[in-house]
Amino acid sequence: MDKIIVITGPTASGKTALAIRLAKKINAEIICADSRIVYKGLDIVSAKPDLDEREGIIHHLIDIKEPSGEPYSAGDFANDAKIAIEKIRAKNKPVIITGGTWFYIKCLLDEKELPKIGADKKLRLELEKYDNDTLWQLLNEIDKKRASEIHKNNKERVIRAIEMAKTLGKNIEQAEREPVKYNSIWFTNDFTEEKNREKLYKRIDFRVDEMIKNGLYYEWERAVAKYSRNEVLENTIGFKEFFELQDGAYQSIEEAVDKIKQRTRNFAKRQITFFRGEPKIKIVKNEDDILKFL
């Protein structure tokens, strides 16, 4: 199969399980498009599928980076995903890309290639001092188009965009290059539909409760002990709130957990907004619906 199959959807909607069921039916391999699954040790917080859950399906771009140093970018993902695609195709197997990090998938398949620009650590340290509104306004002043594409609460991406625009001395769009073109077909599950919104929110709350039961707080403690407080950990929903608890923002761990649920629901809502704005994406209920299109 020449077409790359994309299965995306809001967090906690079951897209990983859907991709695995489809992969088993068509003998495919999966490339994970998730900004936290790439990191080692962030297992519970990223809902990373363990070996049993992968059901023998080979997954690419899991546990490929330590959660420290320069954050893993959309450009990094595009470069690594291209290598994985060629490896899978060399085996004459179909490629499935699944994940909810929309910008990663768009960067690889549907947008011009971003220029390769390294991190400016001095600038990043300075930008980290500002709140989300101030940072987004700064980006809006130097690159209005890029600002319109990034939610102001996505601090990691806003800082990266400011860094790129300042380094380039011009709008990022002006430095973009035409990427390798891939023939792709896109799907999302029916949790994108308004009628299933409350059901999705209940799934999110249940997932967060399960994460807590499975040791999310202790995973955060281990990560901080090993990597110290850093940009990646602080900008991860599920860890961010424990830092805030540590800083006195909440009276109890229960308040921090409630904030994790709220932010995850808000994140899912933003994901849905992106998905619903793309007419190319087909809404399906299960893998059999996808097979009808293939």
C-alpha atoms as a PDB file:
ATOM      1  CA  MET A   1       0.000   0.000   0.000  1.00  0.00           C
ATOM      2  CA  ASP A   2       1.574   3.267  -1.171  1.00  0.00           C
ATOM      3  CA  LYS A   3      -0.614   5.584   0.891  1.00  0.00           C
ATOM      4  CA  ILE A   4       0.434   6.527   4.405  1.00  0.00           C
ATOM      5  CA  ILE A   5      -2.483   6.008   6.790  1.00  0.00           C
ATOM      6  CA  VAL A   6      -2.899   8.717   9.422  1.00  0.00           C
ATOM      7  CA  ILE A   7      -5.034   7.985  12.479  1.00  0.00           C
ATOM      8  CA  THR A   8      -5.370  10.996  14.719  1.00  0.00           C
ATOM      9  CA  GLY A   9      -7.866  12.177  17.292  1.00  0.00           C
ATOM     10  CA  PRO A  10      -8.205  13.849  20.681  1.00  0.00           C
ATOM     11  CA  THR A  11      -6.383  12.545  23.711  1.00  0.00           C
ATOM     12  CA  ALA A  12      -7.947   9.508  25.465  1.00  0.00           C
ATOM     13  CA  SER A  13     -10.156   8.738  22.459  1.00  0.00           C
ATOM     14  CA  GLY A  14      -8.644   5.311  21.726  1.00  0.00           C
ATOM     15  CA  LYS A  15      -6.686   6.167  18.579  1.00  0.00           C
ATOM     16  CA  THR A  16      -3.683   4.055  19.606  1.00  0.00           C
ATOM     17  CA  ALA A  17      -5.839   0.955  20.095  1.00  0.00           C
ATOM     18  CA  LEU A  18      -7.569   1.661  16.771  1.00  0.00           C
ATOM     19  CA  ALA A  19      -4.218   1.925  14.981  1.00  0.00           C
ATOM     20  CA  ILE A  20      -3.026  -1.351  16.516  1.00  0.00           C
ATOM     21  CA  ARG A  21      -6.187  -3.208  15.493  1.00  0.00           C
ATOM     22  CA  LEU A  22      -5.824  -1.906  11.936  1.00  0.00           C
ATOM     23  CA  ALA A  23      -2.093  -2.714  11.849  1.00  0.00           C
ATOM     24  CA  LYS A  24      -2.836  -6.323  12.788  1.00  0.00           C
ATOM     25  CA  LYS A  25      -5.311  -6.642   9.927  1.00  0.00           C
ATOM     26  CA  ILE A  26      -3.070  -5.181   7.220  1.00  0.00           C
ATOM     27  CA  ASN A  27       0.379  -6.180   8.606  1.00  0.00           C
ATOM     28  CA  ALA A  28       1.498  -2.583   9.092  1.00  0.00           C
ATOM     29  CA  GLU A  29       3.981  -0.823  11.372  1.00  0.00           C
ATOM     30  CA  ILE A  30       3.165   2.290  13.395  1.00  0.00           C
ATOM     31  CA  ILE A  31       4.965   5.612  13.693  1.00  0.00           C
ATOM     32  CA  CYS A  32       3.970   7.477  16.858  1.00  0.00           C
ATOM     33  CA  ALA A  33       3.307  11.205  16.434  1.00  0.00           C
ATOM     34  CA  ASP A  34       3.260  12.262  20.065  1.00  0.00           C
ATOM     35  CA  SER A  35       5.357  14.973  21.673  1.00  0.00           C
ATOM     36  CA  ARG A  36       5.796  13.055  24.943  1.00  0.00           C
ATOM     37  CA  ILE A  37       5.928   9.392  23.902  1.00  0.00           C
ATOM     38  CA  VAL A  38       9.336  10.110  22.339  1.00  0.00           C
ATOM     39  CA  TYR A  39      10.800  10.627  25.828  1.00  0.00           C
ATOM     40  CA  LYS A  40      12.233   7.865  27.982  1.00  0.00           C
ATOM     41  CA  GLY A  41      10.703   7.538  31.437  1.00  0.00           C
ATOM     42  CA  LEU A  42       7.531   9.472  30.620  1.00  0.00           C
ATOM     43  CA  ASP A  43       5.451   6.308  30.445  1.00  0.00           C
ATOM     44  CA  ILE A  44       2.385   6.938  32.594  1.00  0.00           C
ATOM     45  CA  VAL A  45       2.077  10.655  31.865  1.00  0.00           C
ATOM     46  CA  SER A  46       2.130  10.065  28.086  1.00  0.00           C
ATOM     47  CA  ALA A  47      -0.169   6.996  28.193  1.00  0.00           C
ATOM     48  CA  LYS A  48       2.622   5.179  26.369  1.00  0.00           C
ATOM     49  CA  PRO A  49       1.506   1.715  25.182  1.00  0.00           C
ATOM     50  CA  ASP A  50       3.588  -0.993  26.835  1.00  0.00           C
ATOM     51  CA  LEU A  51       4.819  -4.087  24.984  1.00  0.00           C
ATOM     52  CA  ASP A  52       1.697  -6.101  25.829  1.00  0.00           C
ATOM     53  CA  GLU A  53      -0.576  -3.304  24.606  1.00  0.00           C
ATOM     54  CA  ARG A  54       1.354  -3.074  21.323  1.00  0.00           C
ATOM     55  CA  GLU A  55       0.297  -6.686  20.598  1.00  0.00           C
ATOM     56  CA  GLY A  56       3.420  -7.485  18.599  1.00  0.00           C
ATOM     57  CA  ILE A  57       3.088  -4.475  16.279  1.00  0.00           C
ATOM     58  CA  ILE A  58       6.352  -2.615  15.740  1.00  0.00           C
ATOM     59  CA  HIS A  59       6.129   1.010  16.942  1.00  0.00           C
ATOM     60  CA  HIS A  60       8.621   3.658  15.849  1.00  0.00           C
ATOM     61  CA  LEU A  61       9.700   6.863  17.658  1.00  0.00           C
ATOM     62  CA  ILE A  62       8.989   5.637  21.179  1.00  0.00           C
ATOM     63  CA  ASP A  63      11.652   6.188  23.869  1.00  0.00           C
ATOM     64  CA  ILE A  64      14.169   7.795  21.508  1.00  0.00           C
ATOM     65  CA  LYS A  65      15.193  10.805  23.617  1.00  0.00           C
ATOM     66  CA  GLU A  66      15.951  11.732  27.216  1.00  0.00           C
ATOM     67  CA  PRO A  67      13.556  14.391  28.620  1.00  0.00           C
ATOM     68  CA  SER A  68      16.308  16.968  29.032  1.00  0.00           C
ATOM     69  CA  GLY A  69      18.235  19.410  26.895  1.00  0.00           C
ATOM     70  CA  GLU A  70      16.650  20.918  23.788  1.00  0.00           C
ATOM     71  CA  PRO A  71      13.007  19.813  23.404  1.00  0.00           C
ATOM     72  CA  TYR A  72      12.105  17.448  20.581  1.00  0.00           C
ATOM     73  CA  SER A  73      10.649  19.591  17.793  1.00  0.00           C
ATOM     74  CA  ALA A  74       8.291  19.093  14.867  1.00  0.00           C
ATOM     75  CA  GLY A  75      11.318  19.310  12.604  1.00  0.00           C
ATOM     76  CA  ASP A  76      13.027  16.532  14.570  1.00  0.00           C
ATOM     77  CA  PHE A  77       9.897  14.418  14.224  1.00  0.00           C
ATOM     78  CA  ALA A  78       9.680  15.007  10.472  1.00  0.00           C
ATOM     79  CA  ASN A  79      13.313  13.965   9.993  1.00  0.00           C
ATOM     80  CA  ASP A  80      12.997  10.838  12.160  1.00  0.00           C
ATOM     81  CA  ALA A  81       9.626   9.875  10.670  1.00  0.00           C
ATOM     82  CA  LYS A  82      11.020  10.024   7.126  1.00  0.00           C
ATOM     83  CA  ILE A  83      13.722   7.535   8.103  1.00  0.00           C
ATOM     84  CA  ALA A  84      11.133   5.269   9.738  1.00  0.00           C
ATOM     85  CA  ILE A  85       8.882   5.438   6.670  1.00  0.00           C
ATOM     86  CA  GLU A  86      11.706   4.277   4.415  1.00  0.00           C
ATOM     87  CA  LYS A  87      12.561   1.416   6.792  1.00  0.00           C
ATOM     88  CA  ILE A  88       8.948   0.220   6.858  1.00  0.00           C
ATOM     89  CA  ARG A  89       8.558   0.516   3.098  1.00  0.00           C
ATOM     90  CA  ALA A  90      11.764  -1.456   2.579  1.00  0.00           C
ATOM     91  CA  LYS A  91       9.887  -4.366   4.200  1.00  0.00           C
ATOM     92  CA  ASN A  92       6.942  -3.814   1.804  1.00  0.00           C
ATOM     93  CA  LYS A  93       4.672  -3.072   4.752  1.00  0.00           C
ATOM     94  CA  PRO A  94       2.029  -0.329   5.096  1.00  0.00           C
ATOM     95  CA  VAL A  95       2.790   2.737   7.218  1.00  0.00           C
ATOM     96  CA  ILE A  96       0.395   3.986   9.892  1.00  0.00           C
ATOM     97  CA  ILE A  97       1.081   7.295  11.633  1.00  0.00           C
ATOM     98  CA  THR A  98      -0.913   7.762  14.811  1.00  0.00           C
ATOM     99  CA  GLY A  99      -0.943  10.408  17.504  1.00  0.00           C
ATOM    100  CA  GLY A 100      -2.530  13.609  18.637  1.00  0.00           C
ATOM    101  CA  THR A 101       0.382  16.014  18.148  1.00  0.00           C
ATOM    102  CA  TRP A 102      -1.194  17.689  15.180  1.00  0.00           C
ATOM    103  CA  PHE A 103       1.739  19.970  14.340  1.00  0.00           C
ATOM    104  CA  TYR A 104       4.096  16.991  14.022  1.00  0.00           C
ATOM    105  CA  ILE A 105       1.876  15.268  11.465  1.00  0.00           C
ATOM    106  CA  LYS A 106       1.253  18.473   9.525  1.00  0.00           C
ATOM    107  CA  CYS A 107       4.961  19.251   9.441  1.00  0.00           C
ATOM    108  CA  LEU A 108       5.715  15.837   7.948  1.00  0.00           C
ATOM    109  CA  LEU A 109       2.822  15.442   5.521  1.00  0.00           C
ATOM    110  CA  ASP A 110       1.042  18.694   4.841  1.00  0.00           C
ATOM    111  CA  GLU A 111       3.262  21.690   5.331  1.00  0.00           C
ATOM    112  CA  LYS A 112       6.487  23.124   4.035  1.00  0.00           C
ATOM    113  CA  GLU A 113       9.619  21.944   5.775  1.00  0.00           C
ATOM    114  CA  LEU A 114      10.828  24.154   8.616  1.00  0.00           C
ATOM    115  CA  PRO A 115      14.405  25.437   8.472  1.00  0.00           C
ATOM    116  CA  LYS A 116      16.924  23.690  10.710  1.00  0.00           C
ATOM    117  CA  ILE A 117      17.729  26.086  13.554  1.00  0.00           C
ATOM    118  CA  GLY A 118      19.486  25.122  16.760  1.00  0.00           C
ATOM    119  CA  ALA A 119      18.480  26.212  20.246  1.00  0.00           C
ATOM    120  CA  ASP A 120      19.477  29.609  21.639  1.00  0.00           C
ATOM    121  CA  LYS A 121      19.781  28.712  25.332  1.00  0.00           C
ATOM    122  CA  LYS A 122      20.345  32.293  26.485  1.00  0.00           C
ATOM    123  CA  LEU A 123      17.217  33.475  24.676  1.00  0.00           C
ATOM    124  CA  ARG A 124      15.168  30.533  25.973  1.00  0.00           C
ATOM    125  CA  LEU A 125      16.134  31.264  29.576  1.00  0.00           C
ATOM    126  CA  GLU A 126      15.046  34.868  29.088  1.00  0.00           C
ATOM    127  CA  LEU A 127      11.739  33.907  27.449  1.00  0.00           C
ATOM    128  CA  GLU A 128      10.915  31.359  30.167  1.00  0.00           C
ATOM    129  CA  LYS A 129      10.521  34.251  32.620  1.00  0.00           C
ATOM    130  CA  TYR A 130       7.413  35.561  30.811  1.00  0.00           C
ATOM    131  CA  ASP A 131       3.838  34.353  31.087  1.00  0.00           C
ATOM    132  CA  ASN A 132       1.919  32.782  28.191  1.00  0.00           C
ATOM    133  CA  ASP A 133       0.029  35.950  27.215  1.00  0.00           C
ATOM    134  CA  THR A 134       3.211  38.041  27.043  1.00  0.00           C
ATOM    135  CA  LEU A 135       5.055  35.422  24.998  1.00  0.00           C
ATOM    136  CA  TRP A 136       2.216  34.998  22.527  1.00  0.00           C
ATOM    137  CA  GLN A 137       1.949  38.783  22.104  1.00  0.00           C
ATOM    138  CA  LEU A 138       5.684  38.952  21.427  1.00  0.00           C
ATOM    139  CA  LEU A 139       5.360  36.254  18.769  1.00  0.00           C
ATOM    140  CA  ASN A 140       2.346  38.049  17.292  1.00  0.00           C
ATOM    141  CA  GLU A 141       4.443  41.204  16.917  1.00  0.00           C
ATOM    142  CA  ILE A 142       7.314  39.489  15.078  1.00  0.00           C
ATOM    143  CA  ASP A 143       5.420  36.780  13.149  1.00  0.00           C
ATOM    144  CA  LYS A 144       1.645  37.288  13.092  1.00  0.00           C
ATOM    145  CA  LYS A 145       0.978  34.260  10.855  1.00  0.00           C
ATOM    146  CA  ARG A 146       2.878  31.801  13.047  1.00  0.00           C
ATOM    147  CA  ALA A 147       1.176  33.218  16.142  1.00  0.00           C
ATOM    148  CA  SER A 148      -2.219  32.525  14.564  1.00  0.00           C
ATOM    149  CA  GLU A 149      -1.259  28.848  14.192  1.00  0.00           C
ATOM    150  CA  ILE A 150      -0.210  28.264  17.821  1.00  0.00           C
ATOM    151  CA  HIS A 151      -2.399  28.380  20.917  1.00  0.00           C
ATOM    152  CA  LYS A 152      -1.066  30.893  23.421  1.00  0.00           C
ATOM    153  CA  ASN A 153      -0.990  28.275  26.204  1.00  0.00           C
ATOM    154  CA  ASN A 154       1.404  26.053  24.252  1.00  0.00           C
ATOM    155  CA  LYS A 155       4.402  27.777  25.807  1.00  0.00           C
ATOM    156  CA  GLU A 156       6.973  25.343  24.429  1.00  0.00           C
ATOM    157  CA  ARG A 157       5.921  25.924  20.817  1.00  0.00           C
ATOM    158  CA  VAL A 158       5.503  29.688  21.250  1.00  0.00           C
ATOM    159  CA  ILE A 159       9.050  29.972  22.617  1.00  0.00           C
ATOM    160  CA  ARG A 160      10.406  27.828  19.788  1.00  0.00           C
ATOM    161  CA  ALA A 161       8.618  29.997  17.202  1.00  0.00           C
ATOM    162  CA  ILE A 162      10.021  33.198  18.744  1.00  0.00           C
ATOM    163  CA  GLU A 163      13.473  31.628  18.768  1.00  0.00           C
ATOM    164  CA  MET A 164      13.222  30.689  15.080  1.00  0.00           C
ATOM    165  CA  ALA A 165      11.821  34.058  13.985  1.00  0.00           C
ATOM    166  CA  LYS A 166      14.487  36.003  15.895  1.00  0.00           C
ATOM    167  CA  THR A 167      17.284  33.793  14.543  1.00  0.00           C
ATOM    168  CA  LEU A 168      16.010  34.101  10.979  1.00  0.00           C
ATOM    169  CA  GLY A 169      15.305  37.815  11.256  1.00  0.00           C
ATOM    170  CA  LYS A 170      12.118  37.301   9.228  1.00  0.00           C
ATOM    171  CA  ASN A 171       8.830  35.404   9.202  1.00  0.00           C
ATOM    172  CA  ILE A 172       9.306  31.657   9.524  1.00  0.00           C
ATOM    173  CA  GLU A 173       7.119  31.083   6.454  1.00  0.00           C
ATOM    174  CA  GLN A 174       9.641  32.926   4.287  1.00  0.00           C
ATOM    175  CA  ALA A 175      12.328  30.371   5.182  1.00  0.00           C
ATOM    176  CA  GLU A 176      10.210  27.235   4.721  1.00  0.00           C
ATOM    177  CA  ARG A 177      11.199  24.735   2.029  1.00  0.00           C
ATOM    178  CA  GLU A 178       9.145  22.312  -0.009  1.00  0.00           C
ATOM    179  CA  PRO A 179       9.180  18.919   1.752  1.00  0.00           C
ATOM    180  CA  VAL A 180       9.188  15.371   0.454  1.00  0.00           C
ATOM    181  CA  LYS A 181       5.619  14.723  -0.702  1.00  0.00           C
ATOM    182  CA  TYR A 182       3.788  11.701   0.670  1.00  0.00           C
ATOM    183  CA  ASN A 183       0.475  10.318  -0.507  1.00  0.00           C
ATOM    184  CA  SER A 184      -1.616  10.059   2.646  1.00  0.00           C
ATOM    185  CA  ILE A 185      -5.162   9.330   3.776  1.00  0.00           C
ATOM    186  CA  TRP A 186      -6.364  10.751   7.090  1.00  0.00           C
ATOM    187  CA  PHE A 187      -8.807   9.409   9.668  1.00  0.00           C
ATOM    188  CA  THR A 188     -10.078  10.424  13.069  1.00  0.00           C
ATOM    189  CA  ASN A 189     -12.417   8.602  15.414  1.00  0.00           C
ATOM    190  CA  ASP A 190     -15.949   9.733  16.117  1.00  0.00           C
ATOM    191  CA  PHE A 191     -15.011  11.296  19.453  1.00  0.00           C
ATOM    192  CA  THR A 192     -14.320  14.348  17.301  1.00  0.00           C
ATOM    193  CA  GLU A 193     -18.084  14.736  16.893  1.00  0.00           C
ATOM    194  CA  GLU A 194     -19.948  17.065  19.227  1.00  0.00           C
ATOM    195  CA  LYS A 195     -22.408  14.353  20.295  1.00  0.00           C
ATOM    196  CA  ASN A 196     -19.566  12.395  21.908  1.00  0.00           C
ATOM    197  CA  ARG A 197     -17.913  15.326  23.708  1.00  0.00           C
ATOM    198  CA  GLU A 198     -19.170  14.528  27.224  1.00  0.00           C
ATOM    199  CA  LYS A 199     -18.303  10.860  26.767  1.00  0.00           C
ATOM    200  CA  LEU A 200     -14.767  11.876  25.809  1.00  0.00           C
ATOM    201  CA  TYR A 201     -14.449  14.105  28.875  1.00  0.00           C
ATOM    202  CA  LYS A 202     -15.508  11.197  31.099  1.00  0.00           C
ATOM    203  CA  ARG A 203     -12.848   9.028  29.442  1.00  0.00           C
ATOM    204  CA  ILE A 204     -10.253  11.718  30.137  1.00  0.00           C
ATOM    205  CA  ASP A 205     -11.212  11.953  33.814  1.00  0.00           C
ATOM    206  CA  PHE A 206     -11.121   8.160  34.122  1.00  0.00           C
ATOM    207  CA  ARG A 207      -7.717   7.994  32.432  1.00  0.00           C
ATOM    208  CA  VAL A 208      -6.254  10.587  34.803  1.00  0.00           C
ATOM    209  CA  ASP A 209      -7.620   8.658  37.793  1.00  0.00           C
ATOM    210  CA  GLU A 210      -5.995   5.495  36.430  1.00  0.00           C
ATOM    211  CA  MET A 211      -2.707   7.339  35.923  1.00  0.00           C
ATOM    212  CA  ILE A 212      -2.745   8.399  39.562  1.00  0.00           C
ATOM    213  CA  LYS A 213      -3.464   4.819  40.669  1.00  0.00           C
ATOM    214  CA  ASN A 214      -0.606   3.583  38.480  1.00  0.00           C
ATOM    215  CA  GLY A 215       1.905   5.962  40.076  1.00  0.00           C
ATOM    216  CA  LEU A 216       1.903   9.201  38.068  1.00  0.00           C
ATOM    217  CA  TYR A 217       3.089  11.245  41.054  1.00  0.00           C
ATOM    218  CA  TYR A 218       5.995   8.872  41.677  1.00  0.00           C
ATOM    219  CA  GLU A 219       6.915   8.923  37.975  1.00  0.00           C
ATOM    220  CA  TRP A 220       7.127  12.718  38.256  1.00  0.00           C
ATOM    221  CA  GLU A 221       9.336  12.422  41.352  1.00  0.00           C
ATOM    222  CA  ARG A 222      11.680   9.991  39.569  1.00  0.00           C
ATOM    223  CA  ALA A 223      11.892  12.234  36.498  1.00  0.00           C
ATOM    224  CA  VAL A 224      12.744  15.313  38.585  1.00  0.00           C
ATOM    225  CA  ALA A 225      15.322  13.370  40.591  1.00  0.00           C
ATOM    226  CA  LYS A 226      17.012  12.151  37.403  1.00  0.00           C
ATOM    227  CA  TYR A 227      16.687  15.152  35.091  1.00  0.00           C
ATOM    228  CA  SER A 228      16.014  18.088  37.464  1.00  0.00           C
ATOM    229  CA  ARG A 229      13.330  20.654  36.829  1.00  0.00           C
ATOM    230  CA  ASN A 230      13.477  21.506  33.129  1.00  0.00           C
ATOM    231  CA  GLU A 231      11.516  22.833  30.157  1.00  0.00           C
ATOM    232  CA  VAL A 232      10.234  19.457  28.958  1.00  0.00           C
ATOM    233  CA  LEU A 233       8.969  18.292  32.347  1.00  0.00           C
ATOM    234  CA  GLU A 234       7.452  21.653  33.271  1.00  0.00           C
ATOM    235  CA  ASN A 235       5.488  21.822  30.012  1.00  0.00           C
ATOM    236  CA  THR A 236       4.001  18.327  30.277  1.00  0.00           C
ATOM    237  CA  ILE A 237       0.378  18.155  31.439  1.00  0.00           C
ATOM    238  CA  GLY A 238       0.405  15.736  34.352  1.00  0.00           C
ATOM    239  CA  PHE A 239       3.825  16.886  35.574  1.00  0.00           C
ATOM    240  CA  LYS A 240       3.265  20.641  35.344  1.00  0.00           C
ATOM    241  CA  GLU A 241       0.590  20.468  38.023  1.00  0.00           C
ATOM    242  CA  PHE A 242       2.867  18.692  40.504  1.00  0.00           C
ATOM    243  CA  PHE A 243       5.450  21.438  40.048  1.00  0.00           C
ATOM    244  CA  GLU A 244       2.677  23.939  40.769  1.00  0.00           C
ATOM    245  CA  LEU A 245       1.670  21.921  43.837  1.00  0.00           C
ATOM    246  CA  GLN A 246       5.284  22.019  44.963  1.00  0.00           C
ATOM    247  CA  ASP A 247       5.296  25.804  44.458  1.00  0.00           C
ATOM    248  CA  GLY A 248       2.191  26.238  46.616  1.00  0.00           C
ATOM    249  CA  ALA A 249      -0.403  26.840  43.890  1.00  0.00           C
ATOM    250  CA  TYR A 250      -2.711  24.156  45.322  1.00  0.00           C
ATOM    251  CA  GLN A 251      -3.675  23.108  48.834  1.00  0.00           C
ATOM    252  CA  SER A 252      -3.674  19.377  48.109  1.00  0.00           C
ATOM    253  CA  ILE A 253      -2.751  16.750  45.560  1.00  0.00           C
ATOM    254  CA  GLU A 254      -6.468  16.372  44.842  1.00  0.00           C
ATOM    255  CA  GLU A 255      -6.555  19.974  43.584  1.00  0.00           C
ATOM    256  CA  ALA A 256      -3.552  19.275  41.365  1.00  0.00           C
ATOM    257  CA  VAL A 257      -5.262  16.182  39.940  1.00  0.00           C
ATOM    258  CA  ASP A 258      -8.407  18.204  39.203  1.00  0.00           C
ATOM    259  CA  LYS A 259      -6.245  20.709  37.325  1.00  0.00           C
ATOM    260  CA  ILE A 260      -4.695  17.875  35.279  1.00  0.00           C
ATOM    261  CA  LYS A 261      -8.189  16.789  34.259  1.00  0.00           C
ATOM    262  CA  GLN A 262      -9.237  20.327  33.378  1.00  0.00           C
ATOM    263  CA  ARG A 263      -6.147  21.032  31.279  1.00  0.00           C
ATOM    264  CA  THR A 264      -6.412  17.673  29.514  1.00  0.00           C
ATOM    265  CA  ARG A 265     -10.051  18.390  28.631  1.00  0.00           C
ATOM    266  CA  ASN A 266      -9.054  21.822  27.331  1.00  0.00           C
ATOM    267  CA  PHE A 267      -6.251  20.261  25.310  1.00  0.00           C
ATOM    268  CA  ALA A 268      -8.679  17.743  23.796  1.00  0.00           C
ATOM    269  CA  LYS A 269     -11.021  20.586  22.880  1.00  0.00           C
ATOM    270  CA  ARG A 270      -8.214  22.382  21.025  1.00  0.00           C
ATOM    271  CA  GLN A 271      -7.295  19.155  19.219  1.00  0.00           C
ATOM    272  CA  ILE A 272     -10.898  18.695  18.107  1.00  0.00           C
ATOM    273  CA  THR A 273     -10.950  22.255  16.753  1.00  0.00           C
ATOM    274  CA  PHE A 274      -7.976  21.429  14.524  1.00  0.00           C
ATOM    275  CA  PHE A 275      -9.413  18.107  13.352  1.00  0.00           C
ATOM    276  CA  ARG A 276     -12.815  19.535  12.525  1.00  0.00           C
ATOM    277  CA  GLY A 277     -11.173  22.284  10.480  1.00  0.00           C
ATOM    278  CA  GLU A 278      -9.598  19.775   8.098  1.00  0.00           C
ATOM    279  CA  PRO A 279     -12.073  18.545   5.457  1.00  0.00           C
ATOM    280  CA  LYS A 280      -9.643  15.866   4.290  1.00  0.00           C
ATOM    281  CA  ILE A 281     -10.042  13.924   7.565  1.00  0.00           C
ATOM    282  CA  LYS A 282     -12.595  11.127   7.457  1.00  0.00           C
ATOM    283  CA  ILE A 283     -14.492  10.325  10.659  1.00  0.00           C
ATOM    284  CA  VAL A 284     -14.687   6.581  11.394  1.00  0.00           C
ATOM    285  CA  LYS A 285     -15.987   4.389  14.195  1.00  0.00           C
ATOM    286  CA  ASN A 286     -13.549   1.471  13.900  1.00  0.00           C
ATOM    287  CA  GLU A 287     -10.892  -0.227  11.783  1.00  0.00           C
ATOM    288  CA  ASP A 288     -13.480  -1.817   9.513  1.00  0.00           C
ATOM    289  CA  ASP A 289     -14.649   1.652   8.488  1.00  0.00           C
ATOM    290  CA  ILE A 290     -11.044   2.504   7.599  1.00  0.00           C
ATOM    291  CA  LEU A 291     -10.652  -0.679   5.539  1.00  0.00           C
ATOM    292  CA  LYS A 292     -13.601   0.400   3.383  1.00  0.00           C
ATOM    293  CA  PHE A 293     -11.584   3.449   2.290  1.00  0.00           C
ATOM    294  CA  LEU A 294      -8.318   1.593   1.636  1.00  0.00           C
END
